[in-house]
Amino acid sequence: MTLQQLHYTITISECGSMNKAAEILYIAQPSLTSAVKELEKELGITIFHRSGKGVTLTADGAEFLAYARQVYQQYETLQERYVSGHSRKKFGVSTQHYSFAVQAFIDLVQDFNTHDYEFAIRETKTANVIEDVTTLRSEIGILYLSDFNRQMIGRILQTQHLKFHKLIECEVFAYLADNHPLAGKKSVTIEELSEYPCLTFEQGDKSSLYYAEEIISTADFARVIKASDRSTMLNLMTGLQGYTFCSGIICGELNGDGYTAVPIADETGIMEIGYITKKNVILSEMGDIYIQKLIAYLSQQNS
């Protein structure tokens, strides 16, 4: 097994086609197919199911690719740190729907030439954040823990060999549009909010309450509307007088000035926001700088 073979299989899985992968890798398609077959023979498994529509991963192949990505990411990290050159370096972040995570990413990218780096940020579902870091699709994942989800999420992180690093603790706020009838209050209760639609981020097939991005996920809300992205959530706040729960850290640079965070008067617990990484994996230079940007932005907003 070679690093080149790992690179081949990762590229094929991303392309879903031997022909497309061969073009990207600048290798003849028969040679690429032969390299994969040799690897499959060595491993004693079938990595790809081949059909007229392309290639898809088998169950064994998906498991192998998860490990292959980890190994190859470490190889790329070593190259980035110790080998000089002009190849494009990669850095990715996966996050729950936090505008401050996006703002810190913007601050990072502005400091570097995007011709030399390949950046990616993924605002996504909680399960995807964990999966992306597990497979090293993203180097860093941003999510929160609470008294309710800590044991379950912690168990999942341990199983996937991930580590949670705390950044900040926050009380819970109601996030409202400025035109909301409750927006001007010093604090609001859950009962007062119950008259209006509760907005939550959809978590897909893995819609366990432990994956919810809203800390008060166990309450029995009569009116619930699910959204899949932050922009739609903001539109629903304005158009339907909906609300959601947040950390109180509002990024006006991205979300605009038409929204406000009002403290929740009820006892709701504390949000512990942090980032996850693979255990025993050294952060890249980009990873270190991103975390520094994140800490600086959170400190500024919390001061």
Protein backbone atom coordinates (compact mmCIF):
# COMPACT_ATOMS: atom_id res chain seq x y z
CA MET A 1 0.00 0.00 0.00
CA THR A 2 1.39 3.40 -0.98
CA LEU A 3 0.46 7.03 -0.38
CA GLN A 4 -0.09 7.31 -4.12
CA GLN A 5 -2.70 4.55 -3.99
CA LEU A 6 -4.42 6.29 -1.09
CA HIS A 7 -4.47 9.51 -3.10
CA TYR A 8 -5.94 7.65 -6.08
CA THR A 9 -8.77 6.09 -4.07
CA ILE A 10 -9.63 9.35 -2.30
CA THR A 11 -9.79 11.19 -5.63
CA ILE A 12 -11.94 8.48 -7.24
CA SER A 13 -14.40 8.56 -4.33
CA GLU A 14 -14.72 12.33 -4.65
CA CYS A 15 -15.23 12.21 -8.42
CA GLY A 16 -17.47 9.15 -8.57
CA SER A 17 -15.85 8.25 -11.88
CA MET A 18 -12.62 6.56 -12.94
CA ASN A 19 -12.41 8.71 -16.07
CA LYS A 20 -12.83 12.01 -14.21
CA ALA A 21 -10.35 10.95 -11.53
CA ALA A 22 -7.82 9.94 -14.20
CA GLU A 23 -8.11 13.41 -15.78
CA ILE A 24 -7.54 15.15 -12.45
CA LEU A 25 -4.63 12.88 -11.55
CA TYR A 26 -3.05 13.15 -15.02
CA ILE A 27 -2.86 9.37 -15.35
CA ALA A 28 -4.19 6.98 -17.98
CA GLN A 29 -7.49 5.45 -16.96
CA PRO A 30 -6.27 1.82 -17.42
CA SER A 31 -3.26 2.56 -15.19
CA LEU A 32 -5.53 4.04 -12.51
CA THR A 33 -7.86 1.03 -12.65
CA SER A 34 -4.89 -1.31 -12.39
CA ALA A 35 -3.52 0.54 -9.35
CA VAL A 36 -6.87 0.27 -7.56
CA LYS A 37 -7.21 -3.43 -8.37
CA GLU A 38 -3.73 -4.09 -7.00
CA LEU A 39 -4.67 -2.28 -3.78
CA GLU A 40 -7.95 -4.19 -3.49
CA LYS A 41 -6.06 -7.47 -3.97
CA GLU A 42 -3.54 -6.52 -1.29
CA LEU A 43 -6.27 -5.54 1.18
CA GLY A 44 -8.57 -8.44 0.36
CA ILE A 45 -11.59 -6.18 -0.06
CA THR A 46 -13.53 -4.48 -2.87
CA ILE A 47 -13.30 -0.71 -2.47
CA PHE A 48 -15.49 0.40 -5.37
CA HIS A 49 -18.59 -0.99 -7.02
CA ARG A 50 -18.28 -0.29 -10.74
CA SER A 51 -21.23 0.28 -13.07
CA GLY A 52 -22.04 2.07 -16.30
CA LYS A 53 -22.95 5.18 -14.28
CA GLY A 54 -19.60 5.38 -12.51
CA VAL A 55 -18.21 4.04 -9.25
CA THR A 56 -19.59 3.97 -5.72
CA LEU A 57 -18.03 2.92 -2.45
CA THR A 58 -18.79 -0.49 -1.00
CA ALA A 59 -19.30 -0.81 2.76
CA ASP A 60 -15.70 -2.05 3.09
CA GLY A 61 -14.56 0.76 0.82
CA ALA A 62 -16.28 3.43 2.92
CA GLU A 63 -14.57 2.14 6.05
CA PHE A 64 -11.20 2.00 4.29
CA LEU A 65 -11.60 5.54 2.91
CA ALA A 66 -12.26 6.92 6.39
CA TYR A 67 -8.84 5.66 7.50
CA ALA A 68 -7.17 6.53 4.19
CA ARG A 69 -8.25 10.17 4.49
CA GLN A 70 -6.78 10.37 7.98
CA VAL A 71 -3.44 9.00 6.84
CA TYR A 72 -3.27 11.17 3.73
CA GLN A 73 -4.29 14.29 5.65
CA GLN A 74 -1.41 13.70 8.03
CA TYR A 75 0.92 13.30 5.05
CA GLU A 76 -0.32 16.63 3.65
CA THR A 77 0.12 18.27 7.07
CA LEU A 78 3.72 17.05 7.19
CA GLN A 79 4.34 18.43 3.72
CA GLU A 80 2.80 21.75 4.67
CA ARG A 81 4.92 22.10 7.80
CA TYR A 82 8.27 20.73 6.65
CA VAL A 83 8.49 20.64 2.86
CA SER A 84 8.85 23.86 0.92
CA GLY A 85 6.93 24.20 -2.31
CA HIS A 86 4.15 26.03 -4.12
CA SER A 87 1.36 23.46 -4.13
CA ARG A 88 -2.05 24.66 -2.95
CA LYS A 89 -2.56 23.92 0.72
CA LYS A 90 -6.00 22.87 1.98
CA PHE A 91 -7.87 23.96 5.07
CA GLY A 92 -11.48 23.22 5.97
CA VAL A 93 -13.87 23.98 8.84
CA SER A 94 -17.27 22.40 9.51
CA THR A 95 -19.59 24.19 11.90
CA GLN A 96 -23.06 24.34 13.29
CA HIS A 97 -24.85 27.50 12.17
CA TYR A 98 -22.69 30.11 13.92
CA SER A 99 -22.03 33.38 12.15
CA PHE A 100 -19.02 34.05 14.39
CA ALA A 101 -17.37 30.88 13.03
CA VAL A 102 -17.87 32.20 9.51
CA GLN A 103 -16.56 35.66 10.46
CA ALA A 104 -13.38 34.17 11.94
CA PHE A 105 -12.98 32.17 8.72
CA ILE A 106 -13.33 35.37 6.67
CA ASP A 107 -10.68 37.06 8.85
CA LEU A 108 -8.38 34.10 8.22
CA VAL A 109 -8.83 34.02 4.44
CA GLN A 110 -8.27 37.77 4.16
CA ASP A 111 -4.78 37.30 5.58
CA PHE A 112 -3.75 34.80 2.91
CA ASN A 113 -3.56 34.56 -0.86
CA THR A 114 -6.38 32.29 -2.03
CA HIS A 115 -4.27 31.42 -5.09
CA ASP A 116 -1.97 29.48 -2.77
CA TYR A 117 -4.61 27.94 -0.49
CA GLU A 118 -7.77 25.93 -1.00
CA PHE A 119 -10.21 26.97 1.74
CA ALA A 120 -13.58 25.41 2.62
CA ILE A 121 -16.18 26.23 5.27
CA ARG A 122 -19.25 24.08 5.75
CA GLU A 123 -22.24 25.28 7.80
CA THR A 124 -23.99 21.98 8.27
CA LYS A 125 -25.86 19.54 10.49
CA THR A 126 -24.38 18.44 13.80
CA ALA A 127 -23.83 14.84 12.64
CA ASN A 128 -22.03 16.13 9.54
CA VAL A 129 -19.72 18.32 11.64
CA ILE A 130 -18.65 15.24 13.57
CA GLU A 131 -18.34 13.09 10.45
CA ASP A 132 -16.32 15.72 8.55
CA VAL A 133 -13.72 15.93 11.32
CA THR A 134 -13.70 12.15 11.79
CA THR A 135 -12.81 11.66 8.12
CA LEU A 136 -10.56 14.76 8.10
CA ARG A 137 -12.66 16.33 5.38
CA SER A 138 -12.44 19.28 7.76
CA GLU A 139 -9.62 19.83 10.21
CA ILE A 140 -11.82 21.62 12.77
CA GLY A 141 -15.49 21.36 13.75
CA ILE A 142 -17.48 23.92 15.75
CA LEU A 143 -20.34 22.80 18.01
CA TYR A 144 -21.70 23.19 21.53
CA LEU A 145 -22.25 21.01 24.58
CA SER A 146 -24.83 21.36 27.35
CA ASP A 147 -25.92 19.40 30.39
CA PHE A 148 -28.51 17.70 28.16
CA ASN A 149 -26.33 16.55 25.25
CA ARG A 150 -22.89 16.35 26.87
CA GLN A 151 -22.96 12.66 27.77
CA MET A 152 -24.32 11.48 24.40
CA ILE A 153 -22.18 13.77 22.22
CA GLY A 154 -19.16 13.05 24.40
CA ARG A 155 -19.65 9.32 23.89
CA ILE A 156 -19.86 9.81 20.11
CA LEU A 157 -16.72 11.94 20.09
CA GLN A 158 -14.84 9.33 22.11
CA THR A 159 -15.93 6.56 19.76
CA GLN A 160 -14.72 8.58 16.76
CA HIS A 161 -11.41 9.47 18.48
CA LEU A 162 -12.27 13.18 18.60
CA LYS A 163 -11.47 15.75 21.28
CA PHE A 164 -13.61 18.73 22.36
CA HIS A 165 -11.81 22.00 23.20
CA LYS A 166 -13.87 24.59 25.09
CA LEU A 167 -13.83 28.16 23.75
CA ILE A 168 -16.52 29.98 25.72
CA GLU A 169 -19.53 29.52 28.00
CA CYS A 170 -22.74 31.39 27.17
CA GLU A 171 -26.17 31.87 28.67
CA VAL A 172 -29.18 31.29 26.41
CA PHE A 173 -30.88 34.07 24.47
CA ALA A 174 -33.91 34.35 22.24
CA TYR A 175 -32.87 35.52 18.78
CA LEU A 176 -35.49 37.82 17.27
CA ALA A 177 -35.97 40.28 14.44
CA ASP A 178 -36.12 43.91 15.54
CA ASN A 179 -39.78 44.04 14.43
CA HIS A 180 -40.77 41.27 16.86
CA PRO A 181 -43.18 42.37 19.64
CA LEU A 182 -40.79 40.99 22.30
CA ALA A 183 -37.59 42.46 20.84
CA GLY A 184 -37.56 45.49 23.14
CA LYS A 185 -37.86 43.56 26.41
CA LYS A 186 -34.97 43.16 28.85
CA SER A 187 -35.73 39.44 29.11
CA VAL A 188 -38.40 36.99 27.95
CA THR A 189 -39.87 33.75 29.24
CA ILE A 190 -40.52 30.53 27.36
CA GLU A 191 -44.23 31.09 27.97
CA GLU A 192 -44.12 34.51 26.29
CA LEU A 193 -42.30 33.04 23.29
CA SER A 194 -44.79 30.19 22.93
CA GLU A 195 -47.20 32.46 21.04
CA TYR A 196 -44.75 32.67 18.14
CA PRO A 197 -43.16 30.09 15.80
CA CYS A 198 -40.07 28.39 17.21
CA LEU A 199 -37.42 28.08 14.49
CA THR A 200 -34.96 25.19 14.55
CA PHE A 201 -32.23 23.94 12.24
CA GLU A 202 -33.17 20.69 10.52
CA GLN A 203 -30.89 17.78 11.39
CA GLY A 204 -31.90 15.37 8.62
CA ASP A 205 -32.18 11.62 9.16
CA LYS A 206 -30.16 11.81 12.38
CA SER A 207 -32.71 14.10 14.03
CA SER A 208 -32.08 12.99 17.62
CA LEU A 209 -32.69 15.71 20.21
CA TYR A 210 -29.02 15.34 21.16
CA TYR A 211 -28.04 16.71 17.74
CA ALA A 212 -30.27 19.80 18.04
CA GLU A 213 -28.48 23.13 17.69
CA GLU A 214 -30.96 24.82 20.03
CA ILE A 215 -30.19 24.18 23.69
CA ILE A 216 -33.87 24.15 24.75
CA SER A 217 -34.65 21.23 22.48
CA THR A 218 -36.66 19.13 24.92
CA ALA A 219 -39.44 21.69 25.48
CA ASP A 220 -42.82 20.89 23.93
CA PHE A 221 -43.26 23.80 21.50
CA ALA A 222 -46.67 23.96 19.82
CA ARG A 223 -45.43 25.81 16.73
CA VAL A 224 -42.15 24.63 15.23
CA ILE A 225 -40.69 25.48 11.81
CA LYS A 226 -37.49 23.83 10.59
CA ALA A 227 -34.97 25.53 8.34
CA SER A 228 -31.77 24.22 6.75
CA ASP A 229 -29.68 27.40 6.48
CA ARG A 230 -29.01 30.60 8.40
CA SER A 231 -30.30 32.93 5.68
CA THR A 232 -33.72 31.24 5.62
CA MET A 233 -33.83 31.32 9.42
CA LEU A 234 -33.32 35.10 9.37
CA ASN A 235 -36.03 35.53 6.74
CA LEU A 236 -38.48 33.53 8.87
CA MET A 237 -37.69 35.72 11.86
CA THR A 238 -38.61 38.80 9.89
CA GLY A 239 -41.54 37.46 7.89
CA LEU A 240 -43.24 35.24 10.48
CA GLN A 241 -42.10 36.84 13.76
CA GLY A 242 -40.36 33.59 14.54
CA TYR A 243 -37.58 33.13 17.07
CA THR A 244 -34.78 30.73 17.82
CA PHE A 245 -32.35 30.21 20.69
CA CYS A 246 -28.76 31.36 20.50
CA SER A 247 -25.60 32.12 22.45
CA GLY A 248 -26.18 35.88 22.36
CA ILE A 249 -23.10 36.35 20.17
CA ILE A 250 -24.48 38.18 17.15
CA CYS A 251 -22.34 38.87 14.10
CA GLY A 252 -23.91 42.00 12.65
CA GLU A 253 -21.29 42.09 9.90
CA LEU A 254 -22.88 38.99 8.33
CA ASN A 255 -26.44 38.77 9.68
CA GLY A 256 -27.19 42.48 9.38
CA ASP A 257 -28.43 44.97 11.95
CA GLY A 258 -32.11 43.96 11.95
CA TYR A 259 -31.88 41.35 14.71
CA THR A 260 -31.45 41.26 18.46
CA ALA A 261 -30.75 38.75 21.24
CA VAL A 262 -32.90 38.91 24.39
CA PRO A 263 -31.93 36.95 27.54
CA ILE A 264 -34.18 34.04 28.54
CA ALA A 265 -35.55 34.58 32.05
CA ASP A 266 -36.15 30.87 32.72
CA GLU A 267 -33.47 28.48 33.96
CA THR A 268 -32.05 26.99 30.76
CA GLY A 269 -28.51 25.91 31.54
CA ILE A 270 -25.27 26.99 29.89
CA MET A 271 -24.02 26.55 26.32
CA GLU A 272 -20.38 25.50 26.17
CA ILE A 273 -19.17 26.35 22.67
CA GLY A 274 -15.96 24.81 21.43
CA TYR A 275 -14.22 23.03 18.60
CA ILE A 276 -13.44 19.39 17.90
CA THR A 277 -10.33 17.87 16.37
CA LYS A 278 -8.93 14.40 15.86
CA LYS A 279 -7.12 13.12 18.93
CA ASN A 280 -3.33 13.11 18.71
CA VAL A 281 -3.43 15.16 15.49
CA ILE A 282 -1.35 18.31 15.26
CA LEU A 283 -3.23 21.32 13.94
CA SER A 284 -1.87 22.80 10.75
CA GLU A 285 -0.63 26.38 10.60
CA MET A 286 -4.02 27.36 9.19
CA GLY A 287 -5.78 25.53 12.00
CA ASP A 288 -3.77 27.33 14.66
CA ILE A 289 -4.42 30.72 13.09
CA TYR A 290 -8.15 30.03 12.67
CA ILE A 291 -8.51 29.17 16.36
CA GLN A 292 -6.64 32.35 17.27
CA LYS A 293 -9.02 34.36 15.07
CA LEU A 294 -12.00 32.62 16.66
CA ILE A 295 -10.79 33.33 20.20
CA ALA A 296 -10.05 36.96 19.37
CA TYR A 297 -13.51 37.51 17.86
CA LEU A 298 -15.32 35.81 20.76
CA SER A 299 -13.30 37.80 23.30
CA GLN A 300 -14.17 41.03 21.52
CA GLN A 301 -17.88 40.21 21.42
CA ASN A 302 -17.95 39.05 25.03
CA SER A 303 -16.12 42.08 26.46
